[in-house]
């Protein structure tokens, strides 16, 4: 993946659930987790075709191929960033930032005022660099005894310029 590649952000297609699930697992593996850990996370990271619209899944598409995606879940005024994953070869090319800005714009238009984020420890700096605040921890639903950073992002009324 090279910088300068055009990215189109679009709603996920029903037929992409399996492809996006595999992308999520590869992206999670970017943080150095082994096969057993990733298998433990599989259920939590699995997307089902019938859920894509309700979970507001948006795909970063490069030349017809998904290279990232997010989900914005819940009902205003408080939402949750259910997923934000980028293809490992595309990390560092601004796709995560594009997804973040799109998620924030979408959330604001829908009337959300804050976003809850249960983050992977490795992704925490990404969210904090965008203004999210650490507010505690939450138990992992995939790995017993593991704690995850819990962050909150307060959406500004006006988008940053």
C-alpha atoms as a PDB file:
ATOM      1  CA  UNK A   1       0.000   0.000   0.000  1.00  0.00           C
ATOM      2  CA  UNK A   2       1.443   3.324  -0.968  1.00  0.00           C
ATOM      3  CA  UNK A   3       0.461   6.779   0.104  1.00  0.00           C
ATOM      4  CA  UNK A   4      -1.427   8.713  -2.507  1.00  0.00           C
ATOM      5  CA  UNK A   5      -3.856   5.867  -3.170  1.00  0.00           C
ATOM      6  CA  UNK A   6      -7.402   7.141  -3.463  1.00  0.00           C
ATOM      7  CA  UNK A   7      -9.667   5.935  -0.693  1.00  0.00           C
ATOM      8  CA  UNK A   8     -13.438   5.914  -1.045  1.00  0.00           C
ATOM      9  CA  UNK A   9     -15.479   5.688   2.158  1.00  0.00           C
ATOM     10  CA  UNK A  10     -18.767   3.868   1.634  1.00  0.00           C
ATOM     11  CA  UNK A  11     -21.313   1.749   3.503  1.00  0.00           C
ATOM     12  CA  UNK A  12     -20.367  -1.914   3.792  1.00  0.00           C
ATOM     13  CA  UNK A  13     -22.037  -4.328   1.401  1.00  0.00           C
ATOM     14  CA  UNK A  14     -23.843  -7.360   2.842  1.00  0.00           C
ATOM     15  CA  UNK A  15     -21.505  -9.699   0.975  1.00  0.00           C
ATOM     16  CA  UNK A  16     -18.420  -8.198   2.658  1.00  0.00           C
ATOM     17  CA  UNK A  17     -19.008  -9.453   6.210  1.00  0.00           C
ATOM     18  CA  UNK A  18     -16.552 -12.346   5.943  1.00  0.00           C
ATOM     19  CA  UNK A  19     -13.906 -10.223   4.196  1.00  0.00           C
ATOM     20  CA  UNK A  20     -14.187  -7.526   6.870  1.00  0.00           C
ATOM     21  CA  UNK A  21     -13.975 -10.113   9.655  1.00  0.00           C
ATOM     22  CA  UNK A  22     -10.711 -11.421   8.178  1.00  0.00           C
ATOM     23  CA  UNK A  23      -9.416  -7.859   7.841  1.00  0.00           C
ATOM     24  CA  UNK A  24     -10.251  -7.213  11.529  1.00  0.00           C
ATOM     25  CA  UNK A  25      -8.324 -10.316  12.597  1.00  0.00           C
ATOM     26  CA  UNK A  26      -5.291  -9.355  10.478  1.00  0.00           C
ATOM     27  CA  UNK A  27      -5.410  -5.826  11.867  1.00  0.00           C
ATOM     28  CA  UNK A  28      -5.656  -7.107  15.444  1.00  0.00           C
ATOM     29  CA  UNK A  29      -2.633  -9.299  14.716  1.00  0.00           C
ATOM     30  CA  UNK A  30      -0.647  -6.154  13.853  1.00  0.00           C
ATOM     31  CA  UNK A  31      -0.128  -5.676  17.598  1.00  0.00           C
ATOM     32  CA  UNK A  32       1.881  -8.894  17.819  1.00  0.00           C
ATOM     33  CA  UNK A  33      -0.802 -11.259  19.092  1.00  0.00           C
ATOM     34  CA  UNK A  34      -0.374 -14.969  18.353  1.00  0.00           C
ATOM     35  CA  UNK A  35      -2.825 -17.379  16.725  1.00  0.00           C
ATOM     36  CA  UNK A  36      -4.389 -18.564  20.022  1.00  0.00           C
ATOM     37  CA  UNK A  37      -5.106 -14.991  21.129  1.00  0.00           C
ATOM     38  CA  UNK A  38      -6.597 -14.085  17.750  1.00  0.00           C
ATOM     39  CA  UNK A  39      -8.764 -17.203  17.817  1.00  0.00           C
ATOM     40  CA  UNK A  40     -10.051 -16.140  21.249  1.00  0.00           C
ATOM     41  CA  UNK A  41     -11.031 -12.784  19.692  1.00  0.00           C
ATOM     42  CA  UNK A  42     -12.664 -14.275  16.579  1.00  0.00           C
ATOM     43  CA  UNK A  43     -16.255 -14.226  17.839  1.00  0.00           C
ATOM     44  CA  UNK A  44     -15.990 -10.647  19.081  1.00  0.00           C
ATOM     45  CA  UNK A  45     -14.516  -9.499  15.759  1.00  0.00           C
ATOM     46  CA  UNK A  46     -16.917 -11.429  13.520  1.00  0.00           C
ATOM     47  CA  UNK A  47     -19.310  -9.334  11.467  1.00  0.00           C
ATOM     48  CA  UNK A  48     -22.576 -10.843  10.268  1.00  0.00           C
ATOM     49  CA  UNK A  49     -24.223  -9.728   7.014  1.00  0.00           C
ATOM     50  CA  UNK A  50     -27.534  -8.862   8.677  1.00  0.00           C
ATOM     51  CA  UNK A  51     -25.775  -6.554  11.188  1.00  0.00           C
ATOM     52  CA  UNK A  52     -23.745  -4.356   8.839  1.00  0.00           C
ATOM     53  CA  UNK A  53     -26.382  -1.691   8.296  1.00  0.00           C
ATOM     54  CA  UNK A  54     -27.577  -1.574  11.921  1.00  0.00           C
ATOM     55  CA  UNK A  55     -23.978  -1.267  13.149  1.00  0.00           C
ATOM     56  CA  UNK A  56     -23.348   1.514  10.609  1.00  0.00           C
ATOM     57  CA  UNK A  57     -20.286  -0.187   9.119  1.00  0.00           C
ATOM     58  CA  UNK A  58     -18.319   2.047   6.757  1.00  0.00           C
ATOM     59  CA  UNK A  59     -15.532   0.690   4.544  1.00  0.00           C
ATOM     60  CA  UNK A  60     -12.377   2.400   3.315  1.00  0.00           C
ATOM     61  CA  UNK A  61     -12.168   1.102  -0.250  1.00  0.00           C
ATOM     62  CA  UNK A  62      -9.019   1.244  -2.375  1.00  0.00           C
ATOM     63  CA  UNK A  63      -9.519   0.120  -5.949  1.00  0.00           C
ATOM     64  CA  UNK A  64     -12.482  -2.069  -5.048  1.00  0.00           C
ATOM     65  CA  UNK A  65     -10.764  -3.704  -2.056  1.00  0.00           C
ATOM     66  CA  UNK A  66     -11.547  -2.966   1.604  1.00  0.00           C
ATOM     67  CA  UNK A  67      -8.451  -1.616   3.384  1.00  0.00           C
ATOM     68  CA  UNK A  68     -10.190  -0.575   6.580  1.00  0.00           C
ATOM     69  CA  UNK A  69     -13.547  -0.084   8.239  1.00  0.00           C
ATOM     70  CA  UNK A  70     -15.323   1.243  11.301  1.00  0.00           C
ATOM     71  CA  UNK A  71     -18.666   0.726  12.986  1.00  0.00           C
ATOM     72  CA  UNK A  72     -20.625   3.407  14.836  1.00  0.00           C
ATOM     73  CA  UNK A  73     -23.071   1.794  17.207  1.00  0.00           C
ATOM     74  CA  UNK A  74     -25.776   2.844  19.631  1.00  0.00           C
ATOM     75  CA  UNK A  75     -28.291   5.654  19.679  1.00  0.00           C
ATOM     76  CA  UNK A  76     -27.726   9.355  20.281  1.00  0.00           C
ATOM     77  CA  UNK A  77     -26.592  11.056  22.354  1.00  0.00           C
ATOM     78  CA  UNK A  78     -24.036   8.386  23.374  1.00  0.00           C
ATOM     79  CA  UNK A  79     -22.528   6.032  20.828  1.00  0.00           C
ATOM     80  CA  UNK A  80     -19.775   3.490  20.649  1.00  0.00           C
ATOM     81  CA  UNK A  81     -16.970   2.947  18.203  1.00  0.00           C
ATOM     82  CA  UNK A  82     -17.520  -0.783  17.824  1.00  0.00           C
ATOM     83  CA  UNK A  83     -14.684  -1.363  15.348  1.00  0.00           C
ATOM     84  CA  UNK A  84     -11.953   0.609  13.650  1.00  0.00           C
ATOM     85  CA  UNK A  85      -9.524  -1.601  11.769  1.00  0.00           C
ATOM     86  CA  UNK A  86      -7.016  -0.978   8.978  1.00  0.00           C
ATOM     87  CA  UNK A  87      -5.258  -3.539   6.799  1.00  0.00           C
ATOM     88  CA  UNK A  88      -1.777  -3.968   8.328  1.00  0.00           C
ATOM     89  CA  UNK A  89      -0.004  -3.051   5.068  1.00  0.00           C
ATOM     90  CA  UNK A  90      -2.028   0.194   5.007  1.00  0.00           C
ATOM     91  CA  UNK A  91      -1.333   1.282   8.599  1.00  0.00           C
ATOM     92  CA  UNK A  92       0.545   4.568   8.655  1.00  0.00           C
ATOM     93  CA  UNK A  93      -0.974   5.861   5.411  1.00  0.00           C
ATOM     94  CA  UNK A  94      -3.719   7.988   6.955  1.00  0.00           C
ATOM     95  CA  UNK A  95      -6.605   5.574   6.429  1.00  0.00           C
ATOM     96  CA  UNK A  96      -7.341   5.260  10.137  1.00  0.00           C
ATOM     97  CA  UNK A  97      -7.450   9.049  10.360  1.00  0.00           C
ATOM     98  CA  UNK A  98      -9.847   9.254   7.419  1.00  0.00           C
ATOM     99  CA  UNK A  99     -12.091   6.660   9.031  1.00  0.00           C
ATOM    100  CA  UNK A 100     -11.968   8.552  12.346  1.00  0.00           C
ATOM    101  CA  UNK A 101     -12.940  11.891  10.761  1.00  0.00           C
ATOM    102  CA  UNK A 102     -15.760  10.232   8.810  1.00  0.00           C
ATOM    103  CA  UNK A 103     -17.028   8.493  11.952  1.00  0.00           C
ATOM    104  CA  UNK A 104     -17.000  11.791  13.868  1.00  0.00           C
ATOM    105  CA  UNK A 105     -18.826  13.633  11.071  1.00  0.00           C
ATOM    106  CA  UNK A 106     -21.420  10.858  10.828  1.00  0.00           C
ATOM    107  CA  UNK A 107     -21.886  10.744  14.591  1.00  0.00           C
ATOM    108  CA  UNK A 108     -22.331  14.521  14.801  1.00  0.00           C
ATOM    109  CA  UNK A 109     -24.932  14.502  11.988  1.00  0.00           C
ATOM    110  CA  UNK A 110     -26.855  11.733  13.769  1.00  0.00           C
ATOM    111  CA  UNK A 111     -26.949  13.697  17.022  1.00  0.00           C
ATOM    112  CA  UNK A 112     -24.277  11.861  19.011  1.00  0.00           C
ATOM    113  CA  UNK A 113     -22.484  13.952  21.620  1.00  0.00           C
ATOM    114  CA  UNK A 114     -19.929  11.431  22.844  1.00  0.00           C
ATOM    115  CA  UNK A 115     -18.344   8.200  21.678  1.00  0.00           C
ATOM    116  CA  UNK A 116     -17.270   5.337  23.942  1.00  0.00           C
ATOM    117  CA  UNK A 117     -14.211   3.387  22.824  1.00  0.00           C
ATOM    118  CA  UNK A 118     -13.046   0.048  24.227  1.00  0.00           C
ATOM    119  CA  UNK A 119      -9.551   0.133  22.764  1.00  0.00           C
ATOM    120  CA  UNK A 120      -6.814  -2.347  22.170  1.00  0.00           C
ATOM    121  CA  UNK A 121      -3.883  -1.158  24.310  1.00  0.00           C
ATOM    122  CA  UNK A 122      -1.791  -0.700  21.158  1.00  0.00           C
ATOM    123  CA  UNK A 123      -4.424   1.550  19.552  1.00  0.00           C
ATOM    124  CA  UNK A 124      -4.905   3.762  22.610  1.00  0.00           C
ATOM    125  CA  UNK A 125      -2.361   6.400  21.431  1.00  0.00           C
ATOM    126  CA  UNK A 126      -4.229   6.719  18.115  1.00  0.00           C
ATOM    127  CA  UNK A 127      -7.447   7.657  19.915  1.00  0.00           C
ATOM    128  CA  UNK A 128      -5.750   9.901  22.464  1.00  0.00           C
ATOM    129  CA  UNK A 129      -3.975  11.785  19.661  1.00  0.00           C
ATOM    130  CA  UNK A 130      -7.424  12.615  18.308  1.00  0.00           C
ATOM    131  CA  UNK A 131      -8.733  13.952  21.608  1.00  0.00           C
ATOM    132  CA  UNK A 132     -10.197  10.885  23.320  1.00  0.00           C
ATOM    133  CA  UNK A 133      -9.660  10.686  27.069  1.00  0.00           C
ATOM    134  CA  UNK A 134      -8.895   7.599  29.110  1.00  0.00           C
ATOM    135  CA  UNK A 135     -11.757   7.190  31.611  1.00  0.00           C
ATOM    136  CA  UNK A 136     -11.007   3.721  32.980  1.00  0.00           C
ATOM    137  CA  UNK A 137     -10.720   0.110  31.940  1.00  0.00           C
ATOM    138  CA  UNK A 138     -13.165  -2.595  30.959  1.00  0.00           C
ATOM    139  CA  UNK A 139     -12.864  -6.366  31.084  1.00  0.00           C
ATOM    140  CA  UNK A 140     -12.207  -8.060  27.766  1.00  0.00           C
ATOM    141  CA  UNK A 141     -15.109 -10.194  26.581  1.00  0.00           C
ATOM    142  CA  UNK A 142     -12.687 -12.445  24.664  1.00  0.00           C
ATOM    143  CA  UNK A 143      -9.782 -13.055  27.040  1.00  0.00           C
ATOM    144  CA  UNK A 144     -10.572 -13.672  30.720  1.00  0.00           C
ATOM    145  CA  UNK A 145      -8.551 -11.510  33.092  1.00  0.00           C
ATOM    146  CA  UNK A 146      -7.526  -9.001  30.403  1.00  0.00           C
ATOM    147  CA  UNK A 147      -8.343  -5.323  30.890  1.00  0.00           C
ATOM    148  CA  UNK A 148      -8.807  -2.921  27.988  1.00  0.00           C
ATOM    149  CA  UNK A 149      -8.479   0.868  28.018  1.00  0.00           C
ATOM    150  CA  UNK A 150     -11.863   2.604  28.056  1.00  0.00           C
ATOM    151  CA  UNK A 151     -11.855   5.988  26.363  1.00  0.00           C
ATOM    152  CA  UNK A 152     -14.429   8.678  25.760  1.00  0.00           C
ATOM    153  CA  UNK A 153     -14.473  11.187  22.961  1.00  0.00           C
ATOM    154  CA  UNK A 154     -16.644  14.268  23.309  1.00  0.00           C
ATOM    155  CA  UNK A 155     -17.702  15.409  19.865  1.00  0.00           C
ATOM    156  CA  UNK A 156     -17.188  19.120  19.268  1.00  0.00           C
ATOM    157  CA  UNK A 157     -20.334  20.869  18.101  1.00  0.00           C
ATOM    158  CA  UNK A 158     -18.496  22.154  15.052  1.00  0.00           C
ATOM    159  CA  UNK A 159     -16.070  19.967  13.121  1.00  0.00           C
ATOM    160  CA  UNK A 160     -12.379  20.927  13.448  1.00  0.00           C
ATOM    161  CA  UNK A 161     -11.166  23.088  10.579  1.00  0.00           C
END
